Amino acid sequence: ETENNYSLINQLFLSKSFEKQVIACMLLERYYY
């Protein structure tokens, strides 16, 4: 769901892990619309 996708992206960014933030970027790129 869109809300869950947004929440997941937030969680990955908040982790401050480089790799998790890269994955957050990948998800944001795929679902930004």
PDB file of all heavy atoms in Angstrom:
ATOM      1  N   GLU A   1       0.846  -1.198   0.000  1.00  0.00           N
ATOM      2  CA  GLU A   1       0.000   0.000   0.000  1.00  0.00           C
ATOM      3  C   GLU A   1       0.878   1.244   0.000  1.00  0.00           C
ATOM      4  O   GLU A   1       1.979   1.238   0.559  1.00  0.00           O
ATOM      5  CB  GLU A   1      -0.905   0.019   1.238  1.00  0.00           C
ATOM      6  CG  GLU A   1      -1.909  -1.104   1.291  1.00  0.00           C
ATOM      7  CD  GLU A   1      -2.987  -0.968   0.247  1.00  0.00           C
ATOM      8  OE1 GLU A   1      -3.380   0.184  -0.065  1.00  0.00           O
ATOM      9  OE2 GLU A   1      -3.431  -2.005  -0.271  1.00  0.00           O
ATOM     10  N   THR A   2       0.379   2.318  -0.593  1.00  0.00           N
ATOM     11  CA  THR A   2       1.137   3.565  -0.710  1.00  0.00           C
ATOM     12  C   THR A   2       1.638   4.047   0.645  1.00  0.00           C
ATOM     13  O   THR A   2       2.807   4.418   0.774  1.00  0.00           O
ATOM     14  CB  THR A   2       0.273   4.652  -1.387  1.00  0.00           C
ATOM     15  OG1 THR A   2      -0.090   4.179  -2.684  1.00  0.00           O
ATOM     16  CG2 THR A   2       1.019   5.957  -1.510  1.00  0.00           C
ATOM     17  N   GLU A   3       0.771   4.039   1.667  1.00  0.00           N
ATOM     18  CA  GLU A   3       1.190   4.505   3.000  1.00  0.00           C
ATOM     19  C   GLU A   3       2.314   3.644   3.552  1.00  0.00           C
ATOM     20  O   GLU A   3       3.241   4.136   4.197  1.00  0.00           O
ATOM     21  CB  GLU A   3       0.032   4.476   4.026  1.00  0.00           C
ATOM     22  CG  GLU A   3      -1.283   5.022   3.593  1.00  0.00           C
ATOM     23  CD  GLU A   3      -2.117   4.047   2.754  1.00  0.00           C
ATOM     24  OE1 GLU A   3      -2.362   2.899   3.156  1.00  0.00           O
ATOM     25  OE2 GLU A   3      -2.493   4.460   1.657  1.00  0.00           O
ATOM     26  N   ASN A   4       2.227   2.346   3.322  1.00  0.00           N
ATOM     27  CA  ASN A   4       3.269   1.438   3.807  1.00  0.00           C
ATOM     28  C   ASN A   4       4.569   1.636   3.035  1.00  0.00           C
ATOM     29  O   ASN A   4       5.655   1.557   3.605  1.00  0.00           O
ATOM     30  CB  ASN A   4       2.811  -0.013   3.696  1.00  0.00           C
ATOM     31  CG  ASN A   4       1.732  -0.356   4.703  1.00  0.00           C
ATOM     32  OD1 ASN A   4       1.581   0.318   5.719  1.00  0.00           O
ATOM     33  ND2 ASN A   4       0.971  -1.371   4.408  1.00  0.00           N
ATOM     34  N   ASN A   5       4.455   1.876   1.749  1.00  0.00           N
ATOM     35  CA  ASN A   5       5.629   2.146   0.942  1.00  0.00           C
ATOM     36  C   ASN A   5       6.348   3.398   1.452  1.00  0.00           C
ATOM     37  O   ASN A   5       7.559   3.414   1.610  1.00  0.00           O
ATOM     38  CB  ASN A   5       5.211   2.336  -0.526  1.00  0.00           C
ATOM     39  CG  ASN A   5       6.081   1.576  -1.464  1.00  0.00           C
ATOM     40  OD1 ASN A   5       7.271   1.488  -1.261  1.00  0.00           O
ATOM     41  ND2 ASN A   5       5.478   1.041  -2.502  1.00  0.00           N
ATOM     42  N   TYR A   6       5.561   4.437   1.703  1.00  0.00           N
ATOM     43  CA  TYR A   6       6.112   5.691   2.221  1.00  0.00           C
ATOM     44  C   TYR A   6       6.754   5.461   3.590  1.00  0.00           C
ATOM     45  O   TYR A   6       7.860   5.935   3.861  1.00  0.00           O
ATOM     46  CB  TYR A   6       4.993   6.735   2.301  1.00  0.00           C
ATOM     47  CG  TYR A   6       5.457   8.142   2.515  1.00  0.00           C
ATOM     48  CD1 TYR A   6       6.011   8.879   1.472  1.00  0.00           C
ATOM     49  CD2 TYR A   6       5.333   8.763   3.754  1.00  0.00           C
ATOM     50  CE1 TYR A   6       6.427  10.183   1.653  1.00  0.00           C
ATOM     51  CE2 TYR A   6       5.748  10.063   3.942  1.00  0.00           C
ATOM     52  CZ  TYR A   6       6.288  10.769   2.893  1.00  0.00           C
ATOM     53  OH  TYR A   6       6.707  12.068   3.074  1.00  0.00           O
ATOM     54  N   SER A   7       6.090   4.692   4.440  1.00  0.00           N
ATOM     55  CA  SER A   7       6.617   4.393   5.772  1.00  0.00           C
ATOM     56  C   SER A   7       7.920   3.594   5.679  1.00  0.00           C
ATOM     57  O   SER A   7       8.877   3.860   6.416  1.00  0.00           O
ATOM     58  CB  SER A   7       5.568   3.608   6.562  1.00  0.00           C
ATOM     59  OG  SER A   7       6.053   3.251   7.820  1.00  0.00           O
ATOM     60  N   LEU A   8       7.968   2.635   4.767  1.00  0.00           N
ATOM     61  CA  LEU A   8       9.173   1.829   4.576  1.00  0.00           C
ATOM     62  C   LEU A   8      10.332   2.707   4.119  1.00  0.00           C
ATOM     63  O   LEU A   8      11.447   2.606   4.645  1.00  0.00           O
ATOM     64  CB  LEU A   8       8.911   0.705   3.566  1.00  0.00           C
ATOM     65  CG  LEU A   8      10.098  -0.185   3.218  1.00  0.00           C
ATOM     66  CD1 LEU A   8      10.623  -0.909   4.453  1.00  0.00           C
ATOM     67  CD2 LEU A   8       9.690  -1.177   2.133  1.00  0.00           C
ATOM     68  N   ILE A   9      10.081   3.567   3.159  1.00  0.00           N
ATOM     69  CA  ILE A   9      11.120   4.477   2.675  1.00  0.00           C
ATOM     70  C   ILE A   9      11.631   5.348   3.823  1.00  0.00           C
ATOM     71  O   ILE A   9      12.842   5.523   3.987  1.00  0.00           O
ATOM     72  CB  ILE A   9      10.584   5.328   1.495  1.00  0.00           C
ATOM     73  CG1 ILE A   9      10.406   4.436   0.264  1.00  0.00           C
ATOM     74  CG2 ILE A   9      11.513   6.500   1.194  1.00  0.00           C
ATOM     75  CD1 ILE A   9       9.613   5.055  -0.863  1.00  0.00           C
ATOM     76  N   ASN A  10      10.722   5.867   4.640  1.00  0.00           N
ATOM     77  CA  ASN A  10      11.126   6.669   5.800  1.00  0.00           C
ATOM     78  C   ASN A  10      11.999   5.867   6.749  1.00  0.00           C
ATOM     79  O   ASN A  10      13.030   6.357   7.217  1.00  0.00           O
ATOM     80  CB  ASN A  10       9.905   7.186   6.554  1.00  0.00           C
ATOM     81  CG  ASN A  10       9.250   8.354   5.892  1.00  0.00           C
ATOM     82  OD1 ASN A  10       9.931   9.226   5.371  1.00  0.00           O
ATOM     83  ND2 ASN A  10       7.940   8.388   5.908  1.00  0.00           N
ATOM     84  N   GLN A  11      11.587   4.643   7.054  1.00  0.00           N
ATOM     85  CA  GLN A  11      12.350   3.803   7.979  1.00  0.00           C
ATOM     86  C   GLN A  11      13.762   3.550   7.451  1.00  0.00           C
ATOM     87  O   GLN A  11      14.731   3.569   8.210  1.00  0.00           O
ATOM     88  CB  GLN A  11      11.635   2.473   8.218  1.00  0.00           C
ATOM     89  CG  GLN A  11      10.376   2.588   9.026  1.00  0.00           C
ATOM     90  CD  GLN A  11      10.637   3.182  10.400  1.00  0.00           C
ATOM     91  OE1 GLN A  11      11.581   2.792  11.103  1.00  0.00           O
ATOM     92  NE2 GLN A  11       9.825   4.148  10.783  1.00  0.00           N
ATOM     93  N   LEU A  12      13.868   3.312   6.168  1.00  0.00           N
ATOM     94  CA  LEU A  12      15.183   3.038   5.580  1.00  0.00           C
ATOM     95  C   LEU A  12      16.078   4.276   5.631  1.00  0.00           C
ATOM     96  O   LEU A  12      17.265   4.174   5.942  1.00  0.00           O
ATOM     97  CB  LEU A  12      15.031   2.530   4.145  1.00  0.00           C
ATOM     98  CG  LEU A  12      14.380   1.154   4.024  1.00  0.00           C
ATOM     99  CD1 LEU A  12      14.051   0.849   2.571  1.00  0.00           C
ATOM    100  CD2 LEU A  12      15.253   0.072   4.626  1.00  0.00           C
ATOM    101  N   PHE A  13      15.516   5.450   5.340  1.00  0.00           N
ATOM    102  CA  PHE A  13      16.314   6.670   5.446  1.00  0.00           C
ATOM    103  C   PHE A  13      16.735   6.919   6.892  1.00  0.00           C
ATOM    104  O   PHE A  13      17.876   7.284   7.154  1.00  0.00           O
ATOM    105  CB  PHE A  13      15.551   7.884   4.923  1.00  0.00           C
ATOM    106  CG  PHE A  13      15.642   8.075   3.441  1.00  0.00           C
ATOM    107  CD1 PHE A  13      14.499   8.227   2.681  1.00  0.00           C
ATOM    108  CD2 PHE A  13      16.865   8.116   2.785  1.00  0.00           C
ATOM    109  CE1 PHE A  13      14.569   8.407   1.302  1.00  0.00           C
ATOM    110  CE2 PHE A  13      16.958   8.286   1.416  1.00  0.00           C
ATOM    111  CZ  PHE A  13      15.799   8.442   0.675  1.00  0.00           C
ATOM    112  N   LEU A  14      15.817   6.721   7.830  1.00  0.00           N
ATOM    113  CA  LEU A  14      16.109   6.998   9.242  1.00  0.00           C
ATOM    114  C   LEU A  14      17.167   6.067   9.820  1.00  0.00           C
ATOM    115  O   LEU A  14      17.783   6.394  10.838  1.00  0.00           O
ATOM    116  CB  LEU A  14      14.822   6.919  10.066  1.00  0.00           C
ATOM    117  CG  LEU A  14      13.853   8.066   9.850  1.00  0.00           C
ATOM    118  CD1 LEU A  14      12.506   7.780  10.531  1.00  0.00           C
ATOM    119  CD2 LEU A  14      14.429   9.386  10.350  1.00  0.00           C
ATOM    120  N   SER A  15      17.391   4.942   9.194  1.00  0.00           N
ATOM    121  CA  SER A  15      18.378   3.994   9.713  1.00  0.00           C
ATOM    122  C   SER A  15      19.787   4.561   9.698  1.00  0.00           C
ATOM    123  O   SER A  15      20.637   4.114  10.442  1.00  0.00           O
ATOM    124  CB  SER A  15      18.357   2.710   8.883  1.00  0.00           C
ATOM    125  OG  SER A  15      18.974   2.947   7.631  1.00  0.00           O
ATOM    126  N   LYS A  16      20.062   5.536   8.824  1.00  0.00           N
ATOM    127  CA  LYS A  16      21.371   6.146   8.632  1.00  0.00           C
ATOM    128  C   LYS A  16      22.427   5.154   8.128  1.00  0.00           C
ATOM    129  O   LYS A  16      23.608   5.426   8.139  1.00  0.00           O
ATOM    130  CB  LYS A  16      21.855   6.863   9.885  1.00  0.00           C
ATOM    131  CG  LYS A  16      20.992   8.057  10.249  1.00  0.00           C
ATOM    132  CD  LYS A  16      21.664   8.911  11.269  1.00  0.00           C
ATOM    133  CE  LYS A  16      20.818  10.135  11.563  1.00  0.00           C
ATOM    134  NZ  LYS A  16      21.482  11.075  12.428  1.00  0.00           N
ATOM    135  N   SER A  17      21.963   4.012   7.665  1.00  0.00           N
ATOM    136  CA  SER A  17      22.855   3.042   7.021  1.00  0.00           C
ATOM    137  C   SER A  17      22.945   3.416   5.550  1.00  0.00           C
ATOM    138  O   SER A  17      21.929   3.627   4.884  1.00  0.00           O
ATOM    139  CB  SER A  17      22.262   1.636   7.154  1.00  0.00           C
ATOM    140  OG  SER A  17      22.719   0.790   6.124  1.00  0.00           O
ATOM    141  N   PHE A  18      24.158   3.492   5.033  1.00  0.00           N
ATOM    142  CA  PHE A  18      24.354   3.830   3.637  1.00  0.00           C
ATOM    143  C   PHE A  18      23.562   2.886   2.730  1.00  0.00           C
ATOM    144  O   PHE A  18      22.833   3.313   1.844  1.00  0.00           O
ATOM    145  CB  PHE A  18      25.845   3.795   3.286  1.00  0.00           C
ATOM    146  CG  PHE A  18      26.115   3.936   1.818  1.00  0.00           C
ATOM    147  CD1 PHE A  18      25.864   5.129   1.164  1.00  0.00           C
ATOM    148  CD2 PHE A  18      26.615   2.867   1.087  1.00  0.00           C
ATOM    149  CE1 PHE A  18      26.103   5.264  -0.199  1.00  0.00           C
ATOM    150  CE2 PHE A  18      26.856   2.987  -0.269  1.00  0.00           C
ATOM    151  CZ  PHE A  18      26.600   4.195  -0.916  1.00  0.00           C
ATOM    152  N   GLU A  19      23.685   1.597   2.950  1.00  0.00           N
ATOM    153  CA  GLU A  19      23.022   0.620   2.098  1.00  0.00           C
ATOM    154  C   GLU A  19      21.498   0.726   2.185  1.00  0.00           C
ATOM    155  O   GLU A  19      20.806   0.623   1.175  1.00  0.00           O
ATOM    156  CB  GLU A  19      23.474  -0.803   2.456  1.00  0.00           C
ATOM    157  CG  GLU A  19      24.902  -1.111   2.050  1.00  0.00           C
ATOM    158  CD  GLU A  19      25.964  -0.640   3.049  1.00  0.00           C
ATOM    159  OE1 GLU A  19      25.611   0.012   4.057  1.00  0.00           O
ATOM    160  OE2 GLU A  19      27.150  -0.917   2.813  1.00  0.00           O
ATOM    161  N   LYS A  20      20.975   0.936   3.379  1.00  0.00           N
ATOM    162  CA  LYS A  20      19.519   1.074   3.520  1.00  0.00           C
ATOM    163  C   LYS A  20      19.033   2.362   2.863  1.00  0.00           C
ATOM    164  O   LYS A  20      17.950   2.387   2.260  1.00  0.00           O
ATOM    165  CB  LYS A  20      19.116   1.037   4.990  1.00  0.00           C
ATOM    166  CG  LYS A  20      19.252  -0.347   5.593  1.00  0.00           C
ATOM    167  CD  LYS A  20      18.857  -0.365   7.039  1.00  0.00           C
ATOM    168  CE  LYS A  20      19.072  -1.746   7.629  1.00  0.00           C
ATOM    169  NZ  LYS A  20      18.753  -1.793   9.062  1.00  0.00           N
ATOM    170  N   GLN A  21      19.831   3.417   2.934  1.00  0.00           N
ATOM    171  CA  GLN A  21      19.434   4.658   2.276  1.00  0.00           C
ATOM    172  C   GLN A  21      19.484   4.505   0.757  1.00  0.00           C
ATOM    173  O   GLN A  21      18.653   5.070   0.050  1.00  0.00           O
ATOM    174  CB  GLN A  21      20.280   5.835   2.763  1.00  0.00           C
ATOM    175  CG  GLN A  21      19.913   6.249   4.176  1.00  0.00           C
ATOM    176  CD  GLN A  21      20.585   7.528   4.625  1.00  0.00           C
ATOM    177  OE1 GLN A  21      21.497   8.042   3.992  1.00  0.00           O
ATOM    178  NE2 GLN A  21      20.129   8.045   5.757  1.00  0.00           N
ATOM    179  N   VAL A  22      20.411   3.726   0.238  1.00  0.00           N
ATOM    180  CA  VAL A  22      20.443   3.458  -1.208  1.00  0.00           C
ATOM    181  C   VAL A  22      19.168   2.703  -1.609  1.00  0.00           C
ATOM    182  O   VAL A  22      18.538   3.022  -2.619  1.00  0.00           O
ATOM    183  CB  VAL A  22      21.708   2.664  -1.620  1.00  0.00           C
ATOM    184  CG1 VAL A  22      21.611   2.173  -3.065  1.00  0.00           C
ATOM    185  CG2 VAL A  22      22.954   3.513  -1.428  1.00  0.00           C
ATOM    186  N   ILE A  23      18.770   1.723  -0.816  1.00  0.00           N
ATOM    187  CA  ILE A  23      17.542   0.977  -1.104  1.00  0.00           C
ATOM    188  C   ILE A  23      16.332   1.909  -1.017  1.00  0.00           C
ATOM    189  O   ILE A  23      15.425   1.835  -1.853  1.00  0.00           O
ATOM    190  CB  ILE A  23      17.405  -0.252  -0.178  1.00  0.00           C
ATOM    191  CG1 ILE A  23      18.481  -1.291  -0.547  1.00  0.00           C
ATOM    192  CG2 ILE A  23      16.010  -0.858  -0.261  1.00  0.00           C
ATOM    193  CD1 ILE A  23      18.592  -2.464   0.405  1.00  0.00           C
ATOM    194  N   ALA A  24      16.327   2.820  -0.046  1.00  0.00           N
ATOM    195  CA  ALA A  24      15.242   3.809   0.046  1.00  0.00           C
ATOM    196  C   ALA A  24      15.179   4.645  -1.231  1.00  0.00           C
ATOM    197  O   ALA A  24      14.097   4.917  -1.762  1.00  0.00           O
ATOM    198  CB  ALA A  24      15.431   4.709   1.264  1.00  0.00           C
ATOM    199  N   CYS A  25      16.344   5.030  -1.749  1.00  0.00           N
ATOM    200  CA  CYS A  25      16.402   5.783  -3.015  1.00  0.00           C
ATOM    201  C   CYS A  25      15.830   4.961  -4.163  1.00  0.00           C
ATOM    202  O   CYS A  25      15.104   5.489  -5.012  1.00  0.00           O
ATOM    203  CB  CYS A  25      17.833   6.190  -3.347  1.00  0.00           C
ATOM    204  SG  CYS A  25      18.526   7.427  -2.259  1.00  0.00           S
ATOM    205  N   MET A  26      16.156   3.675  -4.198  1.00  0.00           N
ATOM    206  CA  MET A  26      15.645   2.807  -5.255  1.00  0.00           C
ATOM    207  C   MET A  26      14.123   2.696  -5.179  1.00  0.00           C
ATOM    208  O   MET A  26      13.437   2.735  -6.208  1.00  0.00           O
ATOM    209  CB  MET A  26      16.289   1.418  -5.161  1.00  0.00           C
ATOM    210  CG  MET A  26      17.779   1.407  -5.450  1.00  0.00           C
ATOM    211  SD  MET A  26      18.535  -0.216  -5.191  1.00  0.00           S
ATOM    212  CE  MET A  26      17.872  -1.130  -6.590  1.00  0.00           C
ATOM    213  N   LEU A  27      13.602   2.567  -3.971  1.00  0.00           N
ATOM    214  CA  LEU A  27      12.148   2.486  -3.797  1.00  0.00           C
ATOM    215  C   LEU A  27      11.488   3.821  -4.149  1.00  0.00           C
ATOM    216  O   LEU A  27      10.434   3.839  -4.792  1.00  0.00           O
ATOM    217  CB  LEU A  27      11.808   2.082  -2.360  1.00  0.00           C
ATOM    218  CG  LEU A  27      12.185   0.654  -1.973  1.00  0.00           C
ATOM    219  CD1 LEU A  27      12.034   0.442  -0.476  1.00  0.00           C
ATOM    220  CD2 LEU A  27      11.355  -0.361  -2.762  1.00  0.00           C
ATOM    221  N   LEU A  28      12.101   4.912  -3.740  1.00  0.00           N
ATOM    222  CA  LEU A  28      11.566   6.231  -4.060  1.00  0.00           C
ATOM    223  C   LEU A  28      11.561   6.450  -5.569  1.00  0.00           C
ATOM    224  O   LEU A  28      10.586   6.961  -6.128  1.00  0.00           O
ATOM    225  CB  LEU A  28      12.388   7.311  -3.350  1.00  0.00           C
ATOM    226  CG  LEU A  28      11.857   8.722  -3.378  1.00  0.00           C
ATOM    227  CD1 LEU A  28      10.457   8.812  -2.792  1.00  0.00           C
ATOM    228  CD2 LEU A  28      12.802   9.639  -2.598  1.00  0.00           C
ATOM    229  N   GLU A  29      12.626   6.029  -6.232  1.00  0.00           N
ATOM    230  CA  GLU A  29      12.692   6.154  -7.692  1.00  0.00           C
ATOM    231  C   GLU A  29      11.582   5.349  -8.357  1.00  0.00           C
ATOM    232  O   GLU A  29      10.958   5.797  -9.314  1.00  0.00           O
ATOM    233  CB  GLU A  29      14.055   5.655  -8.184  1.00  0.00           C
ATOM    234  CG  GLU A  29      14.202   5.643  -9.683  1.00  0.00           C
ATOM    235  CD  GLU A  29      15.514   5.031 -10.152  1.00  0.00           C
ATOM    236  OE1 GLU A  29      16.335   4.608  -9.312  1.00  0.00           O
ATOM    237  OE2 GLU A  29      15.713   4.976 -11.369  1.00  0.00           O
ATOM    238  N   ARG A  30      11.303   4.171  -7.838  1.00  0.00           N
ATOM    239  CA  ARG A  30      10.288   3.303  -8.445  1.00  0.00           C
ATOM    240  C   ARG A  30       8.862   3.786  -8.160  1.00  0.00           C
ATOM    241  O   ARG A  30       7.980   3.631  -9.006  1.00  0.00           O
ATOM    242  CB  ARG A  30      10.457   1.875  -7.937  1.00  0.00           C
ATOM    243  CG  ARG A  30       9.537   0.878  -8.606  1.00  0.00           C
ATOM    244  CD  ARG A  30       9.907  -0.529  -8.192  1.00  0.00           C
ATOM    245  NE  ARG A  30       9.016  -1.525  -8.734  1.00  0.00           N
ATOM    246  CZ  ARG A  30       9.279  -2.266  -9.810  1.00  0.00           C
ATOM    247  NH1 ARG A  30      10.405  -2.108 -10.450  1.00  0.00           N
ATOM    248  NH2 ARG A  30       8.426  -3.159 -10.230  1.00  0.00           N
ATOM    249  N   TYR A  31       8.616   4.359  -6.979  1.00  0.00           N
ATOM    250  CA  TYR A  31       7.249   4.672  -6.558  1.00  0.00           C
ATOM    251  C   TYR A  31       6.977   6.152  -6.347  1.00  0.00           C
ATOM    252  O   TYR A  31       5.941   6.509  -5.797  1.00  0.00           O
ATOM    253  CB  TYR A  31       6.919   3.909  -5.270  1.00  0.00           C
ATOM    254  CG  TYR A  31       7.049   2.416  -5.439  1.00  0.00           C
ATOM    255  CD1 TYR A  31       8.070   1.717  -4.821  1.00  0.00           C
ATOM    256  CD2 TYR A  31       6.165   1.718  -6.262  1.00  0.00           C
ATOM    257  CE1 TYR A  31       8.198   0.342  -5.002  1.00  0.00           C
ATOM    258  CE2 TYR A  31       6.289   0.352  -6.442  1.00  0.00           C
ATOM    259  CZ  TYR A  31       7.306  -0.327  -5.808  1.00  0.00           C
ATOM    260  OH  TYR A  31       7.432  -1.669  -5.999  1.00  0.00           O
ATOM    261  N   TYR A  32       7.877   7.029  -6.778  1.00  0.00           N
ATOM    262  CA  TYR A  32       7.695   8.460  -6.526  1.00  0.00           C
ATOM    263  C   TYR A  32       6.334   8.969  -7.006  1.00  0.00           C
ATOM    264  O   TYR A  32       5.750   9.855  -6.390  1.00  0.00           O
ATOM    265  CB  TYR A  32       8.814   9.280  -7.193  1.00  0.00           C
ATOM    266  CG  TYR A  32       8.643   9.441  -8.682  1.00  0.00           C
ATOM    267  CD1 TYR A  32       8.022  10.564  -9.194  1.00  0.00           C
ATOM    268  CD2 TYR A  32       9.074   8.457  -9.559  1.00  0.00           C
ATOM    269  CE1 TYR A  32       7.828  10.697 -10.565  1.00  0.00           C
ATOM    270  CE2 TYR A  32       8.895   8.590 -10.914  1.00  0.00           C
ATOM    271  CZ  TYR A  32       8.267   9.702 -11.416  1.00  0.00           C
ATOM    272  OH  TYR A  32       8.066   9.838 -12.745  1.00  0.00           O
ATOM    273  N   TYR A  33       5.827   8.416  -8.079  1.00  0.00           N
ATOM    274  CA  TYR A  33       4.566   8.876  -8.655  1.00  0.00           C
ATOM    275  C   TYR A  33       3.368   8.622  -7.730  1.00  0.00           C
ATOM    276  O   TYR A  33       2.313   9.221  -7.891  1.00  0.00           O
ATOM    277  CB  TYR A  33       4.330   8.205 -10.018  1.00  0.00           C
ATOM    278  CG  TYR A  33       4.160   6.704  -9.914  1.00  0.00           C
ATOM    279  CD1 TYR A  33       2.902   6.142  -9.728  1.00  0.00           C
ATOM    280  CD2 TYR A  33       5.259   5.854  -9.974  1.00  0.00           C
ATOM    281  CE1 TYR A  33       2.744   4.776  -9.599  1.00  0.00           C
ATOM    282  CE2 TYR A  33       5.117   4.499  -9.859  1.00  0.00           C
ATOM    283  CZ  TYR A  33       3.852   3.959  -9.667  1.00  0.00           C
ATOM    284  OH  TYR A  33       3.699   2.603  -9.543  1.00  0.00           O
TER     285      TYR A  33
END
